Amino acid sequence: MSEIEIRVRPFDDPESQALIRAALADLGRRYGGNGDDTPVDPAEFVPPAGVFLIAYLDGQPVGCGGWRSHGDDGETAELKRMYTDPAARGRGVARAVLAAVERSAREQGRKRIVLECGDKQPEAIAMYTSAGYERIPNFGYYQDAPGCLSYGRPL
């Protein structure tokens, strides 16, 4: 079994952008449209305000995820752009990325992490709930959209 390597990469790096495009295409197939119209600025993923991570298997980029600051308290991180290439699913990539995102946010002083998800992502929902995330009031760009599910957990 291949070892998963997680590396910090710029949000606007070509490898990051290729994975993000794949993530948005996946969301577009599930929900229609562009997949996710949430405004995202690459500068939001530069430490200490956030970070973007890529997972590699056998040197190939197969997954990603990041966090950005959320709210004004300086204690909350928002999980964004979690994705695993379909060919790498079931190998622990998403859990490794999630753990690395949480660790990074904790190291930057965040005490809580939140995320928005949709009801057509049962795999993601199952992973988040098994990792200790609980439903919270909806927030953010899609807070009033049908099917929006928000989750959070202490770090």
N, C-alpha and C. Protein backbone atom coordinates (compact mmCIF):
# COMPACT_ATOMS: atom_id res chain seq x y z
N MET A 1 0.84 -1.19 0.00
CA MET A 1 0.00 0.00 0.00
C MET A 1 0.88 1.24 0.00
N SER A 2 0.53 2.22 -0.81
CA SER A 2 1.31 3.44 -0.92
C SER A 2 1.08 4.35 0.28
N GLU A 3 2.13 5.07 0.63
CA GLU A 3 2.02 6.03 1.72
C GLU A 3 1.49 7.35 1.18
N ILE A 4 0.61 7.97 1.95
CA ILE A 4 0.05 9.26 1.57
C ILE A 4 0.99 10.35 2.08
N GLU A 5 1.38 11.24 1.20
CA GLU A 5 2.21 12.37 1.58
C GLU A 5 1.37 13.64 1.44
N ILE A 6 1.39 14.47 2.47
CA ILE A 6 0.63 15.72 2.45
C ILE A 6 1.62 16.88 2.39
N ARG A 7 1.41 17.79 1.44
CA ARG A 7 2.29 18.95 1.30
C ARG A 7 1.46 20.23 1.27
N VAL A 8 1.99 21.28 1.88
CA VAL A 8 1.40 22.61 1.77
C VAL A 8 1.73 23.13 0.37
N ARG A 9 0.71 23.62 -0.30
CA ARG A 9 0.89 24.18 -1.65
C ARG A 9 0.09 25.46 -1.75
N PRO A 10 0.53 26.40 -2.58
CA PRO A 10 -0.29 27.60 -2.79
C PRO A 10 -1.64 27.24 -3.42
N PHE A 11 -2.66 27.95 -3.02
CA PHE A 11 -4.01 27.72 -3.56
C PHE A 11 -4.03 27.91 -5.07
N ASP A 12 -3.24 28.85 -5.58
CA ASP A 12 -3.25 29.13 -7.01
C ASP A 12 -2.17 28.36 -7.79
N ASP A 13 -1.49 27.42 -7.14
CA ASP A 13 -0.52 26.55 -7.81
C ASP A 13 -1.25 25.70 -8.86
N PRO A 14 -0.62 25.41 -9.99
CA PRO A 14 -1.30 24.61 -11.02
C PRO A 14 -1.83 23.26 -10.52
N GLU A 15 -1.09 22.57 -9.65
CA GLU A 15 -1.59 21.29 -9.12
C GLU A 15 -2.83 21.52 -8.26
N SER A 16 -2.79 22.56 -7.43
CA SER A 16 -3.95 22.89 -6.60
C SER A 16 -5.15 23.20 -7.48
N GLN A 17 -4.95 24.03 -8.48
CA GLN A 17 -6.05 24.43 -9.35
C GLN A 17 -6.63 23.26 -10.13
N ALA A 18 -5.80 22.33 -10.54
CA ALA A 18 -6.31 21.15 -11.25
C ALA A 18 -7.22 20.33 -10.34
N LEU A 19 -6.81 20.14 -9.10
CA LEU A 19 -7.66 19.39 -8.15
C LEU A 19 -8.93 20.17 -7.82
N ILE A 20 -8.82 21.48 -7.67
CA ILE A 20 -10.00 22.30 -7.38
C ILE A 20 -10.98 22.24 -8.55
N ARG A 21 -10.47 22.30 -9.77
CA ARG A 21 -11.37 22.18 -10.94
C ARG A 21 -12.09 20.83 -10.94
N ALA A 22 -11.36 19.77 -10.59
CA ALA A 22 -11.98 18.43 -10.52
C ALA A 22 -13.04 18.40 -9.41
N ALA A 23 -12.74 19.04 -8.28
CA ALA A 23 -13.71 19.09 -7.17
C ALA A 23 -14.97 19.83 -7.60
N LEU A 24 -14.80 20.96 -8.26
CA LEU A 24 -15.96 21.75 -8.70
C LEU A 24 -16.75 21.01 -9.77
N ALA A 25 -16.06 20.28 -10.64
CA ALA A 25 -16.77 19.48 -11.65
C ALA A 25 -17.61 18.39 -10.97
N ASP A 26 -17.04 17.76 -9.94
CA ASP A 26 -17.77 16.74 -9.19
C ASP A 26 -19.01 17.36 -8.54
N LEU A 27 -18.85 18.51 -7.92
CA LEU A 27 -19.99 19.19 -7.30
C LEU A 27 -21.01 19.62 -8.35
N GLY A 28 -20.53 20.05 -9.51
CA GLY A 28 -21.43 20.44 -10.59
C GLY A 28 -22.28 19.27 -11.06
N ARG A 29 -21.68 18.07 -11.13
CA ARG A 29 -22.46 16.87 -11.51
C ARG A 29 -23.53 16.57 -10.47
N ARG A 30 -23.21 16.80 -9.20
CA ARG A 30 -24.16 16.49 -8.12
C ARG A 30 -25.26 17.54 -8.00
N TYR A 31 -24.88 18.82 -8.15
CA TYR A 31 -25.81 19.91 -7.86
C TYR A 31 -26.17 20.77 -9.05
N GLY A 32 -25.44 20.63 -10.16
CA GLY A 32 -25.66 21.50 -11.31
C GLY A 32 -24.82 22.77 -11.19
N GLY A 33 -24.83 23.54 -12.24
CA GLY A 33 -24.11 24.81 -12.24
C GLY A 33 -22.60 24.63 -12.18
N ASN A 34 -21.95 25.59 -11.54
CA ASN A 34 -20.49 25.59 -11.44
C ASN A 34 -19.97 24.70 -10.32
N GLY A 35 -20.85 24.14 -9.54
CA GLY A 35 -20.45 23.28 -8.44
C GLY A 35 -20.39 24.01 -7.13
N ASP A 36 -19.76 25.19 -7.12
CA ASP A 36 -19.67 25.99 -5.89
C ASP A 36 -19.30 27.41 -6.29
N ASP A 37 -20.18 28.34 -6.00
CA ASP A 37 -19.95 29.74 -6.33
C ASP A 37 -19.46 30.56 -5.14
N THR A 38 -19.11 29.89 -4.04
CA THR A 38 -18.62 30.61 -2.87
C THR A 38 -17.40 31.43 -3.25
N PRO A 39 -17.40 32.72 -2.95
CA PRO A 39 -16.21 33.52 -3.24
C PRO A 39 -15.00 33.02 -2.46
N VAL A 40 -13.90 32.81 -3.17
CA VAL A 40 -12.67 32.33 -2.55
C VAL A 40 -11.51 33.15 -3.12
N ASP A 41 -10.69 33.68 -2.23
CA ASP A 41 -9.51 34.45 -2.61
C ASP A 41 -8.28 33.62 -2.24
N PRO A 42 -7.37 33.37 -3.19
CA PRO A 42 -6.17 32.57 -2.86
C PRO A 42 -5.41 33.09 -1.63
N ALA A 43 -5.45 34.38 -1.38
CA ALA A 43 -4.75 34.95 -0.23
C ALA A 43 -5.32 34.46 1.10
N GLU A 44 -6.55 33.96 1.09
CA GLU A 44 -7.16 33.44 2.32
C GLU A 44 -6.50 32.15 2.78
N PHE A 45 -5.73 31.52 1.90
CA PHE A 45 -5.11 30.23 2.21
C PHE A 45 -3.60 30.36 2.42
N VAL A 46 -3.18 31.55 2.83
CA VAL A 46 -1.77 31.80 3.13
C VAL A 46 -1.63 31.92 4.65
N PRO A 47 -0.74 31.11 5.26
CA PRO A 47 -0.56 31.20 6.71
C PRO A 47 -0.19 32.63 7.14
N PRO A 48 -0.66 33.08 8.27
CA PRO A 48 -1.38 32.33 9.30
C PRO A 48 -2.90 32.35 9.14
N ALA A 49 -3.41 32.96 8.04
CA ALA A 49 -4.86 33.09 7.86
C ALA A 49 -5.50 31.82 7.33
N GLY A 50 -4.70 30.90 6.83
CA GLY A 50 -5.23 29.66 6.27
C GLY A 50 -4.10 28.86 5.66
N VAL A 51 -4.46 27.75 5.04
CA VAL A 51 -3.46 26.91 4.37
C VAL A 51 -4.19 26.04 3.35
N PHE A 52 -3.46 25.63 2.32
CA PHE A 52 -4.00 24.70 1.34
C PHE A 52 -3.05 23.53 1.24
N LEU A 53 -3.60 22.32 1.23
CA LEU A 53 -2.81 21.10 1.25
C LEU A 53 -3.17 20.19 0.09
N ILE A 54 -2.16 19.48 -0.41
CA ILE A 54 -2.37 18.48 -1.44
C ILE A 54 -1.86 17.14 -0.92
N ALA A 55 -2.63 16.09 -1.18
CA ALA A 55 -2.23 14.72 -0.85
C ALA A 55 -1.66 14.07 -2.11
N TYR A 56 -0.55 13.34 -1.91
CA TYR A 56 0.11 12.64 -3.01
C TYR A 56 0.17 11.15 -2.70
N LEU A 57 -0.07 10.35 -3.71
CA LEU A 57 0.16 8.90 -3.67
C LEU A 57 1.11 8.59 -4.81
N ASP A 58 2.20 7.92 -4.49
CA ASP A 58 3.20 7.59 -5.51
C ASP A 58 3.61 8.82 -6.32
N GLY A 59 3.70 9.97 -5.63
CA GLY A 59 4.15 11.20 -6.26
C GLY A 59 3.10 11.93 -7.07
N GLN A 60 1.90 11.37 -7.15
CA GLN A 60 0.83 11.98 -7.94
C GLN A 60 -0.16 12.70 -7.03
N PRO A 61 -0.58 13.93 -7.39
CA PRO A 61 -1.57 14.64 -6.59
C PRO A 61 -2.94 13.98 -6.73
N VAL A 62 -3.52 13.56 -5.60
CA VAL A 62 -4.79 12.82 -5.65
C VAL A 62 -5.87 13.40 -4.75
N GLY A 63 -5.54 14.40 -3.95
CA GLY A 63 -6.54 14.97 -3.06
C GLY A 63 -6.09 16.32 -2.55
N CYS A 64 -7.05 17.07 -2.02
CA CYS A 64 -6.72 18.39 -1.51
C CYS A 64 -7.74 18.82 -0.46
N GLY A 65 -7.40 19.89 0.20
CA GLY A 65 -8.28 20.52 1.16
C GLY A 65 -7.52 21.65 1.83
N GLY A 66 -8.27 22.57 2.36
CA GLY A 66 -7.64 23.68 3.03
C GLY A 66 -8.55 24.28 4.07
N TRP A 67 -8.02 25.29 4.74
CA TRP A 67 -8.84 26.04 5.68
C TRP A 67 -8.51 27.51 5.52
N ARG A 68 -9.51 28.32 5.85
CA ARG A 68 -9.34 29.76 5.89
C ARG A 68 -10.01 30.27 7.16
N SER A 69 -9.59 31.44 7.59
CA SER A 69 -10.18 32.02 8.79
C SER A 69 -11.66 32.26 8.56
N HIS A 70 -12.42 32.10 9.62
CA HIS A 70 -13.88 32.29 9.55
C HIS A 70 -14.30 33.17 10.72
N GLY A 71 -15.04 34.22 10.42
CA GLY A 71 -15.52 35.10 11.47
C GLY A 71 -14.42 36.04 11.95
N ASP A 72 -14.76 36.80 12.97
CA ASP A 72 -13.86 37.83 13.48
C ASP A 72 -13.15 37.44 14.76
N ASP A 73 -13.43 36.26 15.30
CA ASP A 73 -12.87 35.92 16.61
C ASP A 73 -11.44 35.40 16.55
N GLY A 74 -10.96 35.06 15.35
CA GLY A 74 -9.61 34.53 15.21
C GLY A 74 -9.46 33.11 15.75
N GLU A 75 -10.57 32.50 16.12
CA GLU A 75 -10.52 31.16 16.71
C GLU A 75 -11.16 30.09 15.85
N THR A 76 -11.78 30.51 14.74
CA THR A 76 -12.53 29.56 13.92
C THR A 76 -11.93 29.46 12.52
N ALA A 77 -11.81 28.23 12.05
CA ALA A 77 -11.35 27.93 10.70
C ALA A 77 -12.52 27.36 9.91
N GLU A 78 -12.53 27.62 8.62
CA GLU A 78 -13.53 27.04 7.73
C GLU A 78 -12.84 26.09 6.77
N LEU A 79 -13.28 24.86 6.73
CA LEU A 79 -12.76 23.85 5.81
C LEU A 79 -13.29 24.13 4.41
N LYS A 80 -12.39 24.12 3.42
CA LYS A 80 -12.78 24.40 2.04
C LYS A 80 -12.09 23.44 1.08
N ARG A 81 -12.75 23.18 -0.02
CA ARG A 81 -12.20 22.49 -1.18
C ARG A 81 -11.62 21.11 -0.88
N MET A 82 -12.31 20.36 -0.02
CA MET A 82 -11.92 18.96 0.22
C MET A 82 -12.30 18.15 -1.02
N TYR A 83 -11.34 17.34 -1.49
CA TYR A 83 -11.60 16.53 -2.67
C TYR A 83 -10.60 15.39 -2.72
N THR A 84 -11.07 14.24 -3.19
CA THR A 84 -10.20 13.11 -3.49
C THR A 84 -10.55 12.59 -4.88
N ASP A 85 -9.52 12.39 -5.70
CA ASP A 85 -9.72 11.84 -7.03
C ASP A 85 -10.42 10.49 -6.90
N PRO A 86 -11.43 10.21 -7.73
CA PRO A 86 -12.16 8.94 -7.62
C PRO A 86 -11.26 7.70 -7.62
N ALA A 87 -10.16 7.72 -8.38
CA ALA A 87 -9.27 6.56 -8.45
C ALA A 87 -8.53 6.31 -7.13
N ALA A 88 -8.47 7.32 -6.26
CA ALA A 88 -7.75 7.19 -4.98
C ALA A 88 -8.70 7.05 -3.79
N ARG A 89 -9.99 7.05 -4.04
CA ARG A 89 -10.94 6.97 -2.93
C ARG A 89 -10.88 5.60 -2.26
N GLY A 90 -11.20 5.59 -0.98
CA GLY A 90 -11.17 4.35 -0.21
C GLY A 90 -9.79 3.99 0.29
N ARG A 91 -8.82 4.89 0.15
CA ARG A 91 -7.44 4.61 0.55
C ARG A 91 -6.98 5.50 1.69
N GLY A 92 -7.91 6.25 2.29
CA GLY A 92 -7.56 7.07 3.44
C GLY A 92 -7.07 8.47 3.12
N VAL A 93 -7.16 8.85 1.85
CA VAL A 93 -6.67 10.17 1.43
C VAL A 93 -7.45 11.28 2.11
N ALA A 94 -8.76 11.24 2.03
CA ALA A 94 -9.58 12.32 2.60
C ALA A 94 -9.37 12.45 4.10
N ARG A 95 -9.30 11.33 4.79
CA ARG A 95 -9.07 11.38 6.25
C ARG A 95 -7.69 11.95 6.57
N ALA A 96 -6.69 11.62 5.75
CA ALA A 96 -5.35 12.16 5.97
C ALA A 96 -5.34 13.67 5.73
N VAL A 97 -6.02 14.12 4.68
CA VAL A 97 -6.09 15.56 4.41
C VAL A 97 -6.85 16.26 5.53
N LEU A 98 -7.98 15.69 5.94
CA LEU A 98 -8.77 16.30 7.01
C LEU A 98 -7.94 16.44 8.29
N ALA A 99 -7.22 15.39 8.66
CA ALA A 99 -6.39 15.44 9.87
C ALA A 99 -5.30 16.51 9.73
N ALA A 100 -4.69 16.62 8.55
CA ALA A 100 -3.65 17.62 8.33
C ALA A 100 -4.22 19.03 8.36
N VAL A 101 -5.41 19.23 7.79
CA VAL A 101 -6.07 20.54 7.83
C VAL A 101 -6.35 20.92 9.29
N GLU A 102 -6.91 19.99 10.04
CA GLU A 102 -7.23 20.28 11.44
C GLU A 102 -5.96 20.60 12.24
N ARG A 103 -4.92 19.84 12.02
CA ARG A 103 -3.64 20.07 12.72
C ARG A 103 -3.09 21.46 12.39
N SER A 104 -3.12 21.82 11.13
CA SER A 104 -2.64 23.13 10.70
C SER A 104 -3.44 24.26 11.34
N ALA A 105 -4.75 24.12 11.33
CA ALA A 105 -5.61 25.16 11.93
C ALA A 105 -5.33 25.28 13.43
N ARG A 106 -5.19 24.15 14.08
CA ARG A 106 -4.88 24.15 15.52
C ARG A 106 -3.54 24.84 15.78
N GLU A 107 -2.54 24.54 14.95
CA GLU A 107 -1.22 25.15 15.11
C GLU A 107 -1.24 26.66 14.91
N GLN A 108 -2.23 27.15 14.16
CA GLN A 108 -2.37 28.59 13.95
C GLN A 108 -3.35 29.21 14.96
N GLY A 109 -3.65 28.48 16.02
CA GLY A 109 -4.45 29.03 17.11
C GLY A 109 -5.95 28.91 16.98
N ARG A 110 -6.42 28.18 15.96
CA ARG A 110 -7.87 28.02 15.82
C ARG A 110 -8.34 26.98 16.83
N LYS A 111 -9.52 27.22 17.37
CA LYS A 111 -10.08 26.34 18.39
C LYS A 111 -11.28 25.55 17.88
N ARG A 112 -11.79 25.92 16.70
CA ARG A 112 -12.98 25.30 16.13
C ARG A 112 -12.85 25.30 14.62
N ILE A 113 -13.47 24.30 14.00
CA ILE A 113 -13.50 24.25 12.53
C ILE A 113 -14.93 24.00 12.09
N VAL A 114 -15.33 24.68 11.03
CA VAL A 114 -16.69 24.56 10.49
C VAL A 114 -16.61 24.29 9.00
N LEU A 115 -17.71 23.79 8.45
CA LEU A 115 -17.76 23.53 7.01
C LEU A 115 -19.19 23.55 6.53
N GLU A 116 -19.32 23.84 5.24
CA GLU A 116 -20.60 23.71 4.53
C GLU A 116 -20.50 22.49 3.63
N CYS A 117 -21.58 21.75 3.54
CA CYS A 117 -21.63 20.56 2.71
C CYS A 117 -23.05 20.50 2.14
N GLY A 118 -23.24 19.67 1.16
CA GLY A 118 -24.58 19.51 0.61
C GLY A 118 -25.11 18.11 0.84
N ASP A 119 -26.41 17.98 0.80
CA ASP A 119 -27.04 16.70 1.09
C ASP A 119 -26.82 15.64 0.00
N LYS A 120 -26.20 16.02 -1.12
CA LYS A 120 -25.91 15.05 -2.18
C LYS A 120 -24.46 14.57 -2.10
N GLN A 121 -23.85 14.71 -0.92
CA GLN A 121 -22.48 14.24 -0.70
C GLN A 121 -22.46 13.28 0.49
N PRO A 122 -23.14 12.14 0.37
CA PRO A 122 -23.24 11.24 1.52
C PRO A 122 -21.89 10.71 2.01
N GLU A 123 -20.93 10.54 1.09
CA GLU A 123 -19.61 10.03 1.52
C GLU A 123 -18.94 11.05 2.43
N ALA A 124 -19.02 12.33 2.03
CA ALA A 124 -18.40 13.40 2.83
C ALA A 124 -19.09 13.50 4.18
N ILE A 125 -20.41 13.48 4.18
CA ILE A 125 -21.16 13.58 5.43
C ILE A 125 -20.78 12.44 6.37
N ALA A 126 -20.69 11.24 5.84
CA ALA A 126 -20.32 10.08 6.67
C ALA A 126 -18.92 10.26 7.25
N MET A 127 -17.98 10.76 6.44
CA MET A 127 -16.63 10.95 6.94
C MET A 127 -16.60 12.03 8.03
N TYR A 128 -17.25 13.15 7.77
CA TYR A 128 -17.24 14.23 8.76
C TYR A 128 -17.88 13.80 10.07
N THR A 129 -19.02 13.15 10.01
CA THR A 129 -19.68 12.75 11.26
C THR A 129 -18.86 11.70 12.00
N SER A 130 -18.21 10.80 11.25
CA SER A 130 -17.39 9.79 11.94
C SER A 130 -16.12 10.42 12.54
N ALA A 131 -15.74 11.61 12.04
CA ALA A 131 -14.58 12.32 12.58
C ALA A 131 -14.96 13.28 13.70
N GLY A 132 -16.23 13.23 14.13
CA GLY A 132 -16.64 14.03 15.28
C GLY A 132 -17.33 15.34 14.95
N TYR A 133 -17.62 15.59 13.69
CA TYR A 133 -18.33 16.81 13.31
C TYR A 133 -19.81 16.64 13.63
N GLU A 134 -20.41 17.73 14.09
CA GLU A 134 -21.84 17.73 14.41
C GLU A 134 -22.52 18.86 13.66
N ARG A 135 -23.81 18.66 13.38
CA ARG A 135 -24.58 19.70 12.68
C ARG A 135 -24.58 20.97 13.50
N ILE A 136 -24.43 22.09 12.81
CA ILE A 136 -24.50 23.42 13.39
C ILE A 136 -25.45 24.25 12.53
N PRO A 137 -25.88 25.41 13.01
CA PRO A 137 -26.72 26.25 12.14
C PRO A 137 -25.98 26.58 10.84
N ASN A 138 -26.73 26.57 9.75
CA ASN A 138 -26.13 26.89 8.47
C ASN A 138 -25.53 28.28 8.49
N PHE A 139 -24.46 28.45 7.72
CA PHE A 139 -23.76 29.72 7.63
C PHE A 139 -23.25 29.87 6.21
N GLY A 140 -22.72 31.01 5.90
CA GLY A 140 -21.98 31.19 4.66
C GLY A 140 -22.84 31.38 3.43
N TYR A 141 -22.20 31.22 2.31
CA TYR A 141 -22.76 31.53 1.00
C TYR A 141 -24.05 30.75 0.72
N TYR A 142 -24.09 29.50 1.13
CA TYR A 142 -25.24 28.64 0.83
C TYR A 142 -26.18 28.43 2.01
N GLN A 143 -26.08 29.25 3.04
CA GLN A 143 -26.83 28.98 4.27
C GLN A 143 -28.34 28.86 4.06
N ASP A 144 -28.88 29.54 3.06
CA ASP A 144 -30.33 29.46 2.82
C ASP A 144 -30.69 28.54 1.66
N ALA A 145 -29.71 27.87 1.09
CA ALA A 145 -29.96 26.99 -0.06
C ALA A 145 -30.55 25.67 0.41
N PRO A 146 -31.51 25.14 -0.35
CA PRO A 146 -32.05 23.82 0.00
C PRO A 146 -30.92 22.78 -0.03
N GLY A 147 -30.90 21.90 0.94
CA GLY A 147 -29.90 20.84 0.97
C GLY A 147 -28.59 21.23 1.62
N CYS A 148 -28.44 22.49 2.03
CA CYS A 148 -27.20 22.91 2.69
C CYS A 148 -27.14 22.30 4.10
N LEU A 149 -26.00 21.73 4.42
CA LEU A 149 -25.77 21.15 5.74
C LEU A 149 -24.45 21.73 6.26
N SER A 150 -24.46 22.30 7.43
CA SER A 150 -23.24 22.84 8.03
C SER A 150 -22.86 22.00 9.23
N TYR A 151 -21.56 21.84 9.41
CA TYR A 151 -21.01 21.02 10.49
C TYR A 151 -19.86 21.76 11.17
N GLY A 152 -19.58 21.38 12.38
CA GLY A 152 -18.44 21.95 13.08
C GLY A 152 -17.97 21.02 14.18
N ARG A 153 -16.76 21.31 14.67
CA ARG A 153 -16.25 20.56 15.81
C ARG A 153 -15.11 21.36 16.44
N PRO A 154 -14.93 21.14 17.73
CA PRO A 154 -13.79 21.78 18.39
C PRO A 154 -12.48 21.14 17.92
N LEU A 155 -11.44 21.94 17.92
CA LEU A 155 -10.12 21.43 17.59
C LEU A 155 -9.35 21.18 18.87
